[in-house]
Amino acid sequence: MSSLRASGQDAAITLYPGAHHAFDNITLGYIYLPNADNGAGCTLRIASILGPLPSASDVAACLRKGATIAGNAEAAASARRNVRNQLGDLLK
């Protein structure tokens, strides 16, 4: 985060405790996907979202199998509130 801000980017990271992929689907139960590729162990660095991108072998080396999806009503409500607030600030 500090490197993004140092480069002049307006960036922030918001963590939602207990939120998994698909957390905004509040009707979704806890589902473990054993064969899904999981990049949580990756710490690849790129200069920007435009690239240059890491090589396929660099990405493959840090992937592991297994991922969880689950709805989380509290995290979904918080994320929606944050988006509305940020849009309100940007559109002033």
Protein backbone atom coordinates (compact mmCIF):
# COMPACT_ATOMS: atom_id res chain seq x y z
CA MET A 1 0.00 0.00 0.00
CA SER A 2 2.73 2.45 0.90
CA SER A 3 4.46 1.88 -2.44
CA LEU A 4 1.22 2.70 -4.30
CA ARG A 5 0.74 5.90 -2.35
CA ALA A 6 4.41 6.82 -2.80
CA SER A 7 3.92 6.51 -6.57
CA GLY A 8 1.03 8.99 -6.43
CA GLN A 9 -1.81 6.45 -6.56
CA ASP A 10 -4.97 7.09 -4.54
CA ALA A 11 -5.35 3.63 -3.05
CA ALA A 12 -6.86 2.04 0.01
CA ILE A 13 -7.49 -1.52 1.13
CA THR A 14 -10.51 -2.43 3.23
CA LEU A 15 -10.58 -5.82 4.93
CA TYR A 16 -13.87 -7.47 5.80
CA PRO A 17 -13.25 -10.03 8.56
CA GLY A 18 -14.85 -13.38 7.86
CA ALA A 19 -15.56 -12.52 4.22
CA HIS A 20 -14.83 -15.13 1.55
CA HIS A 21 -15.26 -14.95 -2.22
CA ALA A 22 -18.93 -14.30 -3.04
CA PHE A 23 -19.45 -12.76 0.42
CA ASP A 24 -22.04 -10.40 -1.06
CA ASN A 25 -24.28 -13.36 -1.97
CA ILE A 26 -25.77 -13.50 1.51
CA THR A 27 -27.90 -16.58 0.75
CA LEU A 28 -24.81 -18.64 -0.12
CA GLY A 29 -23.70 -21.17 2.48
CA TYR A 30 -20.12 -22.16 3.23
CA ILE A 31 -18.75 -24.13 0.28
CA TYR A 32 -15.23 -25.54 -0.03
CA LEU A 33 -13.94 -26.03 -3.59
CA PRO A 34 -11.01 -28.48 -3.35
CA ASN A 35 -9.89 -28.19 -6.99
CA ALA A 36 -10.01 -24.40 -7.33
CA ASP A 37 -6.71 -22.59 -7.86
CA ASN A 38 -5.92 -20.36 -4.89
CA GLY A 39 -3.50 -17.46 -5.20
CA ALA A 40 -3.57 -16.45 -1.52
CA GLY A 41 0.05 -17.54 -1.13
CA CYS A 42 1.23 -15.38 -4.05
CA THR A 43 3.15 -12.17 -3.44
CA LEU A 44 3.77 -11.23 -7.05
CA ARG A 45 4.48 -7.55 -7.68
CA ILE A 46 3.53 -5.64 -10.79
CA ALA A 47 4.07 -1.97 -11.55
CA SER A 48 0.41 -1.40 -12.42
CA ILE A 49 -2.68 -3.29 -13.50
CA LEU A 50 -1.46 -2.67 -17.04
CA GLY A 51 1.67 -4.75 -16.49
CA PRO A 52 4.15 -6.05 -17.11
CA LEU A 53 2.45 -9.19 -15.84
CA PRO A 54 4.30 -12.06 -14.15
CA SER A 55 5.09 -15.13 -16.24
CA ALA A 56 2.77 -18.13 -16.18
CA SER A 57 5.47 -20.18 -14.44
CA ASP A 58 5.83 -17.55 -11.67
CA VAL A 59 2.09 -17.64 -11.09
CA ALA A 60 1.91 -21.44 -11.19
CA ALA A 61 4.71 -21.73 -8.64
CA CYS A 62 2.74 -19.92 -5.93
CA LEU A 63 -0.74 -21.35 -6.56
CA ARG A 64 -2.23 -23.98 -4.29
CA LYS A 65 -5.46 -25.95 -4.50
CA GLY A 66 -8.60 -25.27 -2.49
CA ALA A 67 -10.80 -22.22 -1.99
CA THR A 68 -13.85 -21.29 0.02
CA ILE A 69 -16.90 -19.28 -0.96
CA ALA A 70 -19.51 -18.13 1.54
CA GLY A 71 -22.03 -15.38 2.02
CA ASN A 72 -21.55 -12.87 4.85
CA ALA A 73 -24.42 -10.45 5.45
CA GLU A 74 -22.45 -8.16 7.80
CA ALA A 75 -19.50 -7.82 5.40
CA ALA A 76 -21.85 -7.31 2.43
CA ALA A 77 -23.73 -4.51 4.23
CA SER A 78 -20.45 -2.87 5.22
CA ALA A 79 -19.08 -3.08 1.68
CA ARG A 80 -22.25 -1.56 0.21
CA ARG A 81 -22.12 1.26 2.77
CA ASN A 82 -18.46 1.92 1.91
CA VAL A 83 -19.16 2.00 -1.84
CA ARG A 84 -22.07 4.43 -1.38
CA ASN A 85 -19.89 6.69 0.79
CA GLN A 86 -16.98 6.61 -1.65
CA LEU A 87 -19.22 7.32 -4.64
CA GLY A 88 -20.84 10.16 -2.72
CA ASP A 89 -17.42 11.67 -2.05
CA LEU A 90 -16.31 11.26 -5.68
CA LEU A 91 -19.50 12.73 -7.14
CA LYS A 92 -19.59 15.87 -5.00
